[in-house]
Structure formats: C-alpha cells, structure tokens
Amino acid sequence: MGSTGKKYTEDFKQMIVELYQSGKSKSKLASEYGVSRISIDNWIELYTEIEVDENTSVTYKELLAIKKENQRLKQEAEILKKTLTIFAQK
C-alpha cells in the first residue's frame, strides 16, 4: 500500500512525540489521532533530543540540518580556494 500523502504540521508532530514521551503508547496515539505507527516512530526519531554534551542537546532533525549546512559550507570553501588559486596565477 502507498502513502496517503497526508501532511502534518511540525507542531502536530512534536505534540505527538511529547505525548509519547509523557507515557502515551504509540498504539493509543495512532488510534486517537489517526496517524500510522510508522509515522509516529519516524517523528520520535526526528524530534527526540540527543545529548551532545552537558549543556547541549539537539534533535536528529537539527543534526541533519547542521550536517547539510556543513556540507554546503565545505563546498563554498572549496570553490573559494579554487577561485583564489586561479586569480593568484594571473
């Protein structure tokens, strides 16, 4: 079976995760809110905070965004290095 294509807001997803973390079961949440358990599992993975060190925690979603930004910055730095090399040769 394919996806129904139903879209949920970030706030809704985070609310479901918070309800799960407060003790509600995935089955109960799925039936109450009409959401698949697979979606709930995905949201729990995305929105549960990961402790980086004593004072810092991030969600998996935030970590993915940081990695994407880091990759973009590395590409920009590489382009700038190549540009400087070209101008230095002239």
N, C-alpha and C. Protein backbone atom coordinates (compact mmCIF):
# COMPACT_ATOMS: atom_id res chain seq x y z
N MET A 1 0.83 -1.19 0.00
CA MET A 1 0.00 0.00 0.00
C MET A 1 0.86 1.24 0.00
N GLY A 2 0.41 2.26 -0.67
CA GLY A 2 1.16 3.51 -0.76
C GLY A 2 0.79 4.47 0.33
N SER A 3 1.48 5.57 0.33
CA SER A 3 1.23 6.63 1.30
C SER A 3 -0.07 7.37 0.96
N THR A 4 -0.74 7.84 1.99
CA THR A 4 -1.96 8.61 1.75
C THR A 4 -1.63 10.04 1.37
N GLY A 5 -0.39 10.44 1.57
CA GLY A 5 0.02 11.79 1.23
C GLY A 5 -0.43 12.82 2.23
N LYS A 6 -0.90 12.38 3.38
CA LYS A 6 -1.38 13.30 4.40
C LYS A 6 -0.20 14.07 4.99
N LYS A 7 -0.35 15.37 5.10
CA LYS A 7 0.72 16.22 5.64
C LYS A 7 0.34 16.68 7.04
N TYR A 8 1.30 16.65 7.93
CA TYR A 8 1.09 17.09 9.30
C TYR A 8 2.05 18.24 9.59
N THR A 9 1.61 19.17 10.42
CA THR A 9 2.46 20.31 10.76
C THR A 9 3.56 19.87 11.72
N GLU A 10 4.62 20.67 11.77
CA GLU A 10 5.72 20.40 12.72
C GLU A 10 5.18 20.39 14.15
N ASP A 11 4.30 21.34 14.46
CA ASP A 11 3.72 21.42 15.81
C ASP A 11 2.96 20.15 16.16
N PHE A 12 2.19 19.63 15.20
CA PHE A 12 1.43 18.41 15.44
C PHE A 12 2.37 17.24 15.71
N LYS A 13 3.40 17.11 14.88
CA LYS A 13 4.37 16.01 15.05
C LYS A 13 5.04 16.10 16.41
N GLN A 14 5.47 17.30 16.79
CA GLN A 14 6.13 17.48 18.08
C GLN A 14 5.18 17.20 19.23
N MET A 15 3.91 17.55 19.07
CA MET A 15 2.92 17.27 20.11
C MET A 15 2.78 15.76 20.30
N ILE A 16 2.72 15.01 19.20
CA ILE A 16 2.61 13.55 19.28
C ILE A 16 3.82 12.97 20.01
N VAL A 17 5.02 13.46 19.68
CA VAL A 17 6.24 12.98 20.33
C VAL A 17 6.20 13.30 21.82
N GLU A 18 5.78 14.51 22.17
CA GLU A 18 5.69 14.89 23.59
C GLU A 18 4.69 14.01 24.33
N LEU A 19 3.56 13.71 23.70
CA LEU A 19 2.58 12.83 24.33
C LEU A 19 3.16 11.43 24.53
N TYR A 20 3.90 10.95 23.53
CA TYR A 20 4.55 9.64 23.65
C TYR A 20 5.57 9.66 24.81
N GLN A 21 6.37 10.72 24.87
CA GLN A 21 7.38 10.82 25.91
C GLN A 21 6.77 10.98 27.30
N SER A 22 5.53 11.46 27.36
CA SER A 22 4.87 11.61 28.65
C SER A 22 4.17 10.32 29.09
N GLY A 23 4.23 9.28 28.24
CA GLY A 23 3.72 7.99 28.67
C GLY A 23 2.62 7.37 27.82
N LYS A 24 2.08 8.09 26.85
CA LYS A 24 1.05 7.50 25.99
C LYS A 24 1.68 6.49 25.05
N SER A 25 0.99 5.41 24.79
CA SER A 25 1.54 4.38 23.90
C SER A 25 1.38 4.81 22.44
N LYS A 26 2.24 4.26 21.60
CA LYS A 26 2.16 4.55 20.16
C LYS A 26 0.81 4.09 19.60
N SER A 27 0.34 2.94 20.05
CA SER A 27 -0.94 2.42 19.57
C SER A 27 -2.08 3.36 19.92
N LYS A 28 -2.08 3.85 21.15
CA LYS A 28 -3.13 4.77 21.61
C LYS A 28 -3.08 6.06 20.79
N LEU A 29 -1.88 6.61 20.60
CA LEU A 29 -1.73 7.84 19.82
C LEU A 29 -2.18 7.64 18.38
N ALA A 30 -1.80 6.50 17.80
CA ALA A 30 -2.17 6.21 16.42
C ALA A 30 -3.68 6.17 16.26
N SER A 31 -4.36 5.51 17.19
CA SER A 31 -5.82 5.42 17.06
C SER A 31 -6.52 6.74 17.40
N GLU A 32 -6.02 7.45 18.40
CA GLU A 32 -6.64 8.72 18.79
C GLU A 32 -6.52 9.80 17.71
N TYR A 33 -5.36 9.84 17.05
CA TYR A 33 -5.08 10.94 16.12
C TYR A 33 -5.10 10.51 14.65
N GLY A 34 -5.38 9.23 14.39
CA GLY A 34 -5.47 8.76 13.01
C GLY A 34 -4.15 8.81 12.26
N VAL A 35 -3.08 8.50 12.98
CA VAL A 35 -1.73 8.55 12.41
C VAL A 35 -1.16 7.14 12.43
N SER A 36 -0.38 6.78 11.42
CA SER A 36 0.22 5.45 11.42
C SER A 36 1.32 5.35 12.47
N ARG A 37 1.51 4.14 12.98
CA ARG A 37 2.59 3.92 13.96
C ARG A 37 3.95 4.17 13.33
N ILE A 38 4.08 3.90 12.06
CA ILE A 38 5.35 4.14 11.36
C ILE A 38 5.67 5.63 11.38
N SER A 39 4.65 6.47 11.12
CA SER A 39 4.86 7.92 11.18
C SER A 39 5.29 8.34 12.58
N ILE A 40 4.62 7.79 13.58
CA ILE A 40 4.96 8.13 14.96
C ILE A 40 6.40 7.72 15.26
N ASP A 41 6.81 6.53 14.83
CA ASP A 41 8.20 6.09 15.02
C ASP A 41 9.17 7.06 14.37
N ASN A 42 8.85 7.48 13.14
CA ASN A 42 9.72 8.43 12.43
C ASN A 42 9.82 9.76 13.17
N TRP A 43 8.68 10.24 13.66
CA TRP A 43 8.67 11.52 14.36
C TRP A 43 9.44 11.43 15.67
N ILE A 44 9.31 10.31 16.36
CA ILE A 44 10.06 10.13 17.61
C ILE A 44 11.55 10.20 17.33
N GLU A 45 11.98 9.55 16.24
CA GLU A 45 13.39 9.58 15.87
C GLU A 45 13.83 11.00 15.52
N LEU A 46 13.00 11.73 14.80
CA LEU A 46 13.35 13.08 14.37
C LEU A 46 13.36 14.11 15.50
N TYR A 47 12.41 13.99 16.42
CA TYR A 47 12.21 15.06 17.40
C TYR A 47 12.69 14.75 18.82
N THR A 48 13.20 13.55 19.06
CA THR A 48 13.74 13.25 20.38
C THR A 48 15.13 13.85 20.47
N GLU A 49 15.38 14.56 21.56
CA GLU A 49 16.67 15.23 21.72
C GLU A 49 17.78 14.24 22.03
N ILE A 50 18.95 14.52 21.45
CA ILE A 50 20.16 13.74 21.66
C ILE A 50 21.11 14.64 22.44
N GLU A 51 21.62 14.15 23.56
CA GLU A 51 22.53 14.96 24.36
C GLU A 51 23.92 14.92 23.73
N VAL A 52 24.43 16.10 23.37
CA VAL A 52 25.74 16.22 22.75
C VAL A 52 26.81 16.32 23.83
N ASP A 53 26.57 17.16 24.81
CA ASP A 53 27.43 17.26 25.99
C ASP A 53 26.56 17.73 27.15
N GLU A 54 27.19 18.13 28.24
CA GLU A 54 26.43 18.51 29.44
C GLU A 54 25.39 19.59 29.19
N ASN A 55 25.72 20.55 28.36
CA ASN A 55 24.87 21.73 28.18
C ASN A 55 24.16 21.81 26.84
N THR A 56 24.37 20.82 25.99
CA THR A 56 23.85 20.91 24.63
C THR A 56 23.11 19.64 24.23
N SER A 57 21.95 19.83 23.64
CA SER A 57 21.24 18.70 23.04
C SER A 57 20.60 19.17 21.74
N VAL A 58 20.47 18.25 20.80
CA VAL A 58 19.85 18.55 19.51
C VAL A 58 18.93 17.40 19.14
N THR A 59 18.01 17.68 18.25
CA THR A 59 17.19 16.60 17.72
C THR A 59 17.89 16.03 16.49
N TYR A 60 17.47 14.85 16.08
CA TYR A 60 18.04 14.24 14.88
C TYR A 60 17.80 15.14 13.67
N LYS A 61 16.62 15.76 13.63
CA LYS A 61 16.29 16.67 12.53
C LYS A 61 17.26 17.85 12.50
N GLU A 62 17.55 18.41 13.68
CA GLU A 62 18.50 19.52 13.75
C GLU A 62 19.90 19.06 13.34
N LEU A 63 20.27 17.86 13.74
CA LEU A 63 21.57 17.31 13.38
C LEU A 63 21.69 17.16 11.86
N LEU A 64 20.63 16.69 11.22
CA LEU A 64 20.64 16.57 9.76
C LEU A 64 20.80 17.94 9.09
N ALA A 65 20.12 18.95 9.63
CA ALA A 65 20.23 20.30 9.08
C ALA A 65 21.64 20.85 9.25
N ILE A 66 22.25 20.57 10.40
CA ILE A 66 23.63 21.01 10.65
C ILE A 66 24.59 20.34 9.68
N LYS A 67 24.41 19.04 9.46
CA LYS A 67 25.28 18.32 8.52
C LYS A 67 25.13 18.86 7.10
N LYS A 68 23.89 19.17 6.71
CA LYS A 68 23.64 19.72 5.37
C LYS A 68 24.31 21.08 5.22
N GLU A 69 24.18 21.93 6.23
CA GLU A 69 24.80 23.25 6.21
C GLU A 69 26.33 23.13 6.18
N ASN A 70 26.87 22.19 6.95
CA ASN A 70 28.31 21.96 6.97
C ASN A 70 28.82 21.55 5.58
N GLN A 71 28.08 20.67 4.92
CA GLN A 71 28.46 20.24 3.58
C GLN A 71 28.44 21.42 2.60
N ARG A 72 27.42 22.26 2.70
CA ARG A 72 27.31 23.44 1.83
C ARG A 72 28.49 24.38 2.06
N LEU A 73 28.85 24.60 3.32
CA LEU A 73 29.96 25.49 3.64
C LEU A 73 31.29 24.92 3.15
N LYS A 74 31.46 23.62 3.23
CA LYS A 74 32.68 22.98 2.71
C LYS A 74 32.79 23.19 1.21
N GLN A 75 31.65 23.05 0.51
CA GLN A 75 31.65 23.26 -0.94
C GLN A 75 31.99 24.70 -1.28
N GLU A 76 31.42 25.64 -0.53
CA GLU A 76 31.73 27.06 -0.76
C GLU A 76 33.21 27.33 -0.52
N ALA A 77 33.76 26.77 0.54
CA ALA A 77 35.18 26.97 0.85
C ALA A 77 36.06 26.42 -0.27
N GLU A 78 35.68 25.26 -0.80
CA GLU A 78 36.45 24.66 -1.90
C GLU A 78 36.39 25.53 -3.15
N ILE A 79 35.23 26.08 -3.45
CA ILE A 79 35.08 26.97 -4.60
C ILE A 79 35.94 28.23 -4.41
N LEU A 80 35.92 28.79 -3.21
CA LEU A 80 36.74 29.98 -2.93
C LEU A 80 38.22 29.68 -3.07
N LYS A 81 38.66 28.51 -2.59
CA LYS A 81 40.08 28.13 -2.72
C LYS A 81 40.46 28.05 -4.20
N LYS A 82 39.61 27.42 -5.00
CA LYS A 82 39.90 27.29 -6.43
C LYS A 82 39.92 28.66 -7.11
N THR A 83 39.00 29.53 -6.72
CA THR A 83 38.95 30.88 -7.28
C THR A 83 40.22 31.65 -6.93
N LEU A 84 40.65 31.56 -5.68
CA LEU A 84 41.88 32.25 -5.25
C LEU A 84 43.09 31.72 -6.01
N THR A 85 43.13 30.42 -6.24
CA THR A 85 44.24 29.82 -6.98
C THR A 85 44.27 30.36 -8.41
N ILE A 86 43.11 30.47 -9.02
CA ILE A 86 43.03 30.99 -10.40
C ILE A 86 43.49 32.44 -10.45
N PHE A 87 43.02 33.27 -9.51
CA PHE A 87 43.42 34.68 -9.50
C PHE A 87 44.89 34.85 -9.13
N ALA A 88 45.43 33.98 -8.32
CA ALA A 88 46.83 34.08 -7.92
C ALA A 88 47.75 33.76 -9.10
N GLN A 89 47.28 32.96 -10.04
CA GLN A 89 48.09 32.58 -11.20
C GLN A 89 48.15 33.69 -12.24
N LYS A 90 47.25 34.65 -12.16
CA LYS A 90 47.20 35.73 -13.16
C LYS A 90 48.13 36.84 -12.83
